Amino acid sequence: FKILTIANHKNLCQLLAVYETENSTYVILELYPLSLYGYIQKCGFPTLDMAKTILINLLEGVAYLHERGIMHRDLKLENIMVKK
């Protein structure tokens, strides 16, 4: 979870808290209403301009991680969160 504490960027989901019990660890992350997959299921494919914005934001977030030696390793529509 140390990686999540150093990953502070506008295009990354923010870590709010970590709670550990004897049997479990709970990670509290910023709430997003939909993943990109959920958005496409609900609203259809984004417009070209919206798709460009999503891609630019995604690449900025991934570049930020890579600059810090962090790899996501599970990029997929279900893990790309959208606010609107």
N, C-alpha and C. Protein backbone atom coordinates (compact mmCIF):
# COMPACT_ATOMS: atom_id res chain seq x y z
N PHE A 1 0.81 -1.21 0.00
CA PHE A 1 0.00 0.00 0.00
C PHE A 1 0.85 1.26 0.00
N LYS A 2 2.14 1.10 0.23
CA LYS A 2 3.03 2.25 0.19
C LYS A 2 3.00 2.90 -1.19
N ILE A 3 2.90 2.09 -2.24
CA ILE A 3 2.84 2.63 -3.60
C ILE A 3 1.65 3.57 -3.74
N LEU A 4 0.51 3.20 -3.18
CA LEU A 4 -0.68 4.05 -3.29
C LEU A 4 -0.49 5.39 -2.60
N THR A 5 0.32 5.44 -1.56
CA THR A 5 0.51 6.70 -0.84
C THR A 5 1.38 7.68 -1.62
N ILE A 6 2.25 7.18 -2.52
CA ILE A 6 3.09 8.09 -3.29
C ILE A 6 2.47 8.42 -4.65
N ALA A 7 1.40 7.75 -5.01
CA ALA A 7 0.74 7.98 -6.30
C ALA A 7 -0.34 9.04 -6.13
N ASN A 8 0.08 10.30 -6.16
CA ASN A 8 -0.85 11.41 -5.95
C ASN A 8 -0.91 12.24 -7.24
N HIS A 9 -1.92 11.97 -8.05
CA HIS A 9 -2.05 12.64 -9.35
C HIS A 9 -3.53 12.83 -9.64
N LYS A 10 -3.87 13.90 -10.33
CA LYS A 10 -5.28 14.20 -10.61
C LYS A 10 -5.99 13.11 -11.41
N ASN A 11 -5.26 12.30 -12.16
CA ASN A 11 -5.87 11.26 -12.98
C ASN A 11 -5.75 9.87 -12.37
N LEU A 12 -5.43 9.80 -11.10
CA LEU A 12 -5.36 8.52 -10.40
C LEU A 12 -6.34 8.51 -9.25
N CYS A 13 -6.95 7.37 -9.01
CA CYS A 13 -7.85 7.21 -7.88
C CYS A 13 -7.07 7.43 -6.59
N GLN A 14 -7.59 8.27 -5.71
CA GLN A 14 -6.87 8.62 -4.49
C GLN A 14 -7.13 7.63 -3.35
N LEU A 15 -6.07 7.29 -2.66
CA LEU A 15 -6.16 6.45 -1.47
C LEU A 15 -6.63 7.32 -0.31
N LEU A 16 -7.72 6.92 0.34
CA LEU A 16 -8.25 7.69 1.45
C LEU A 16 -7.83 7.13 2.80
N ALA A 17 -7.79 5.80 2.91
CA ALA A 17 -7.42 5.18 4.18
C ALA A 17 -7.12 3.71 3.99
N VAL A 18 -6.35 3.17 4.93
CA VAL A 18 -6.09 1.73 4.98
C VAL A 18 -6.33 1.29 6.41
N TYR A 19 -7.15 0.26 6.57
CA TYR A 19 -7.44 -0.30 7.89
C TYR A 19 -7.03 -1.77 7.89
N GLU A 20 -6.29 -2.16 8.90
CA GLU A 20 -5.87 -3.55 9.01
C GLU A 20 -6.45 -4.16 10.28
N THR A 21 -6.98 -5.36 10.13
CA THR A 21 -7.43 -6.14 11.27
C THR A 21 -6.56 -7.39 11.33
N GLU A 22 -6.86 -8.24 12.27
CA GLU A 22 -6.10 -9.47 12.40
C GLU A 22 -6.19 -10.34 11.15
N ASN A 23 -7.37 -10.32 10.50
CA ASN A 23 -7.61 -11.22 9.37
C ASN A 23 -7.67 -10.55 8.01
N SER A 24 -7.81 -9.23 7.96
CA SER A 24 -8.05 -8.56 6.68
C SER A 24 -7.40 -7.19 6.62
N THR A 25 -7.26 -6.72 5.40
CA THR A 25 -6.84 -5.34 5.15
C THR A 25 -7.91 -4.69 4.29
N TYR A 26 -8.34 -3.51 4.69
CA TYR A 26 -9.37 -2.77 3.96
C TYR A 26 -8.74 -1.52 3.38
N VAL A 27 -8.91 -1.33 2.09
CA VAL A 27 -8.37 -0.17 1.39
C VAL A 27 -9.55 0.69 0.97
N ILE A 28 -9.57 1.94 1.40
CA ILE A 28 -10.64 2.87 1.06
C ILE A 28 -10.12 3.82 -0.01
N LEU A 29 -10.76 3.77 -1.18
CA LEU A 29 -10.36 4.60 -2.31
C LEU A 29 -11.45 5.61 -2.63
N GLU A 30 -11.07 6.66 -3.32
CA GLU A 30 -12.02 7.66 -3.81
C GLU A 30 -13.12 6.95 -4.61
N LEU A 31 -14.36 7.41 -4.43
CA LEU A 31 -15.51 6.79 -5.09
C LEU A 31 -15.73 7.40 -6.47
N TYR A 32 -15.87 6.53 -7.45
CA TYR A 32 -16.23 6.94 -8.81
C TYR A 32 -17.53 6.26 -9.16
N PRO A 33 -18.43 6.95 -9.88
CA PRO A 33 -19.73 6.36 -10.18
C PRO A 33 -19.67 5.19 -11.16
N LEU A 34 -18.73 5.22 -12.12
CA LEU A 34 -18.70 4.19 -13.16
C LEU A 34 -17.28 3.92 -13.62
N SER A 35 -17.06 2.70 -14.06
CA SER A 35 -15.85 2.41 -14.82
C SER A 35 -16.13 2.79 -16.27
N LEU A 36 -15.10 2.83 -17.09
CA LEU A 36 -15.32 3.11 -18.51
C LEU A 36 -16.17 2.01 -19.13
N TYR A 37 -15.97 0.78 -18.68
CA TYR A 37 -16.80 -0.33 -19.16
C TYR A 37 -18.27 -0.08 -18.82
N GLY A 38 -18.55 0.31 -17.58
CA GLY A 38 -19.92 0.59 -17.16
C GLY A 38 -20.52 1.76 -17.92
N TYR A 39 -19.70 2.77 -18.17
CA TYR A 39 -20.17 3.92 -18.94
C TYR A 39 -20.59 3.49 -20.34
N ILE A 40 -19.77 2.68 -21.00
CA ILE A 40 -20.09 2.22 -22.35
C ILE A 40 -21.35 1.37 -22.34
N GLN A 41 -21.50 0.52 -21.33
CA GLN A 41 -22.70 -0.30 -21.22
C GLN A 41 -23.95 0.57 -21.05
N LYS A 42 -23.83 1.62 -20.25
CA LYS A 42 -24.98 2.47 -19.92
C LYS A 42 -25.27 3.52 -20.99
N CYS A 43 -24.22 4.14 -21.53
CA CYS A 43 -24.40 5.31 -22.40
C CYS A 43 -23.95 5.11 -23.84
N GLY A 44 -23.33 4.00 -24.12
CA GLY A 44 -22.77 3.79 -25.46
C GLY A 44 -21.35 4.32 -25.55
N PHE A 45 -20.77 4.19 -26.72
CA PHE A 45 -19.39 4.62 -26.90
C PHE A 45 -19.28 6.13 -26.78
N PRO A 46 -18.18 6.62 -26.20
CA PRO A 46 -18.00 8.07 -26.09
C PRO A 46 -17.77 8.71 -27.45
N THR A 47 -18.01 10.01 -27.52
CA THR A 47 -17.72 10.75 -28.75
C THR A 47 -16.20 10.75 -28.96
N LEU A 48 -15.79 11.13 -30.15
CA LEU A 48 -14.36 11.18 -30.45
C LEU A 48 -13.64 12.14 -29.51
N ASP A 49 -14.22 13.31 -29.26
CA ASP A 49 -13.59 14.28 -28.35
C ASP A 49 -13.49 13.73 -26.94
N MET A 50 -14.54 13.07 -26.47
CA MET A 50 -14.51 12.49 -25.14
C MET A 50 -13.48 11.35 -25.07
N ALA A 51 -13.41 10.54 -26.11
CA ALA A 51 -12.44 9.44 -26.15
C ALA A 51 -11.01 9.99 -26.11
N LYS A 52 -10.76 11.09 -26.82
CA LYS A 52 -9.44 11.73 -26.79
C LYS A 52 -9.10 12.20 -25.38
N THR A 53 -10.07 12.82 -24.71
CA THR A 53 -9.86 13.30 -23.34
C THR A 53 -9.56 12.13 -22.40
N ILE A 54 -10.33 11.06 -22.52
CA ILE A 54 -10.11 9.87 -21.69
C ILE A 54 -8.71 9.33 -21.92
N LEU A 55 -8.31 9.20 -23.17
CA LEU A 55 -7.00 8.65 -23.50
C LEU A 55 -5.87 9.54 -22.99
N ILE A 56 -6.00 10.85 -23.16
CA ILE A 56 -4.97 11.77 -22.66
C ILE A 56 -4.85 11.66 -21.15
N ASN A 57 -5.99 11.65 -20.44
CA ASN A 57 -5.97 11.52 -18.98
C ASN A 57 -5.35 10.20 -18.55
N LEU A 58 -5.71 9.12 -19.24
CA LEU A 58 -5.15 7.81 -18.94
C LEU A 58 -3.63 7.81 -19.13
N LEU A 59 -3.17 8.34 -20.26
CA LEU A 59 -1.73 8.36 -20.53
C LEU A 59 -0.97 9.25 -19.55
N GLU A 60 -1.56 10.36 -19.14
CA GLU A 60 -0.91 11.22 -18.14
C GLU A 60 -0.77 10.49 -16.81
N GLY A 61 -1.82 9.77 -16.40
CA GLY A 61 -1.76 9.01 -15.16
C GLY A 61 -0.75 7.89 -15.21
N VAL A 62 -0.72 7.15 -16.32
CA VAL A 62 0.24 6.05 -16.48
C VAL A 62 1.66 6.60 -16.54
N ALA A 63 1.88 7.71 -17.25
CA ALA A 63 3.21 8.32 -17.33
C ALA A 63 3.69 8.72 -15.93
N TYR A 64 2.79 9.29 -15.14
CA TYR A 64 3.12 9.68 -13.76
C TYR A 64 3.61 8.46 -12.97
N LEU A 65 2.88 7.35 -13.09
CA LEU A 65 3.29 6.13 -12.40
C LEU A 65 4.64 5.64 -12.89
N HIS A 66 4.82 5.60 -14.20
CA HIS A 66 6.07 5.09 -14.78
C HIS A 66 7.27 5.95 -14.37
N GLU A 67 7.07 7.26 -14.26
CA GLU A 67 8.16 8.15 -13.81
C GLU A 67 8.61 7.80 -12.40
N ARG A 68 7.74 7.15 -11.64
CA ARG A 68 8.07 6.76 -10.26
C ARG A 68 8.39 5.27 -10.15
N GLY A 69 8.57 4.62 -11.29
CA GLY A 69 8.93 3.21 -11.30
C GLY A 69 7.79 2.27 -10.96
N ILE A 70 6.55 2.73 -11.15
CA ILE A 70 5.36 1.93 -10.82
C ILE A 70 4.67 1.52 -12.11
N MET A 71 4.31 0.23 -12.21
CA MET A 71 3.53 -0.27 -13.35
C MET A 71 2.16 -0.69 -12.85
N HIS A 72 1.11 -0.36 -13.60
CA HIS A 72 -0.25 -0.71 -13.19
C HIS A 72 -0.50 -2.21 -13.33
N ARG A 73 -0.16 -2.81 -14.44
CA ARG A 73 -0.25 -4.24 -14.72
C ARG A 73 -1.66 -4.79 -14.89
N ASP A 74 -2.69 -3.96 -14.82
CA ASP A 74 -4.05 -4.47 -15.03
C ASP A 74 -4.94 -3.39 -15.65
N LEU A 75 -4.44 -2.74 -16.70
CA LEU A 75 -5.25 -1.73 -17.37
C LEU A 75 -6.30 -2.41 -18.24
N LYS A 76 -7.55 -2.08 -17.97
CA LYS A 76 -8.68 -2.60 -18.76
C LYS A 76 -9.85 -1.66 -18.52
N LEU A 77 -10.88 -1.78 -19.34
CA LEU A 77 -12.03 -0.88 -19.23
C LEU A 77 -12.63 -0.86 -17.83
N GLU A 78 -12.64 -2.00 -17.16
CA GLU A 78 -13.23 -2.08 -15.82
C GLU A 78 -12.41 -1.33 -14.78
N ASN A 79 -11.13 -1.05 -15.06
CA ASN A 79 -10.26 -0.36 -14.10
C ASN A 79 -9.99 1.09 -14.47
N ILE A 80 -10.63 1.57 -15.51
CA ILE A 80 -10.53 2.99 -15.88
C ILE A 80 -11.82 3.65 -15.39
N MET A 81 -11.69 4.51 -14.40
CA MET A 81 -12.86 5.09 -13.76
C MET A 81 -13.19 6.44 -14.38
N VAL A 82 -14.49 6.74 -14.47
CA VAL A 82 -14.94 8.01 -15.03
C VAL A 82 -15.82 8.73 -14.01
N LYS A 83 -15.68 10.04 -13.98
CA LYS A 83 -16.48 10.85 -13.04
C LYS A 83 -17.78 11.31 -13.66
N LYS A 84 -17.82 11.46 -15.00
CA LYS A 84 -19.05 11.91 -15.64
C LYS A 84 -19.22 11.26 -16.98
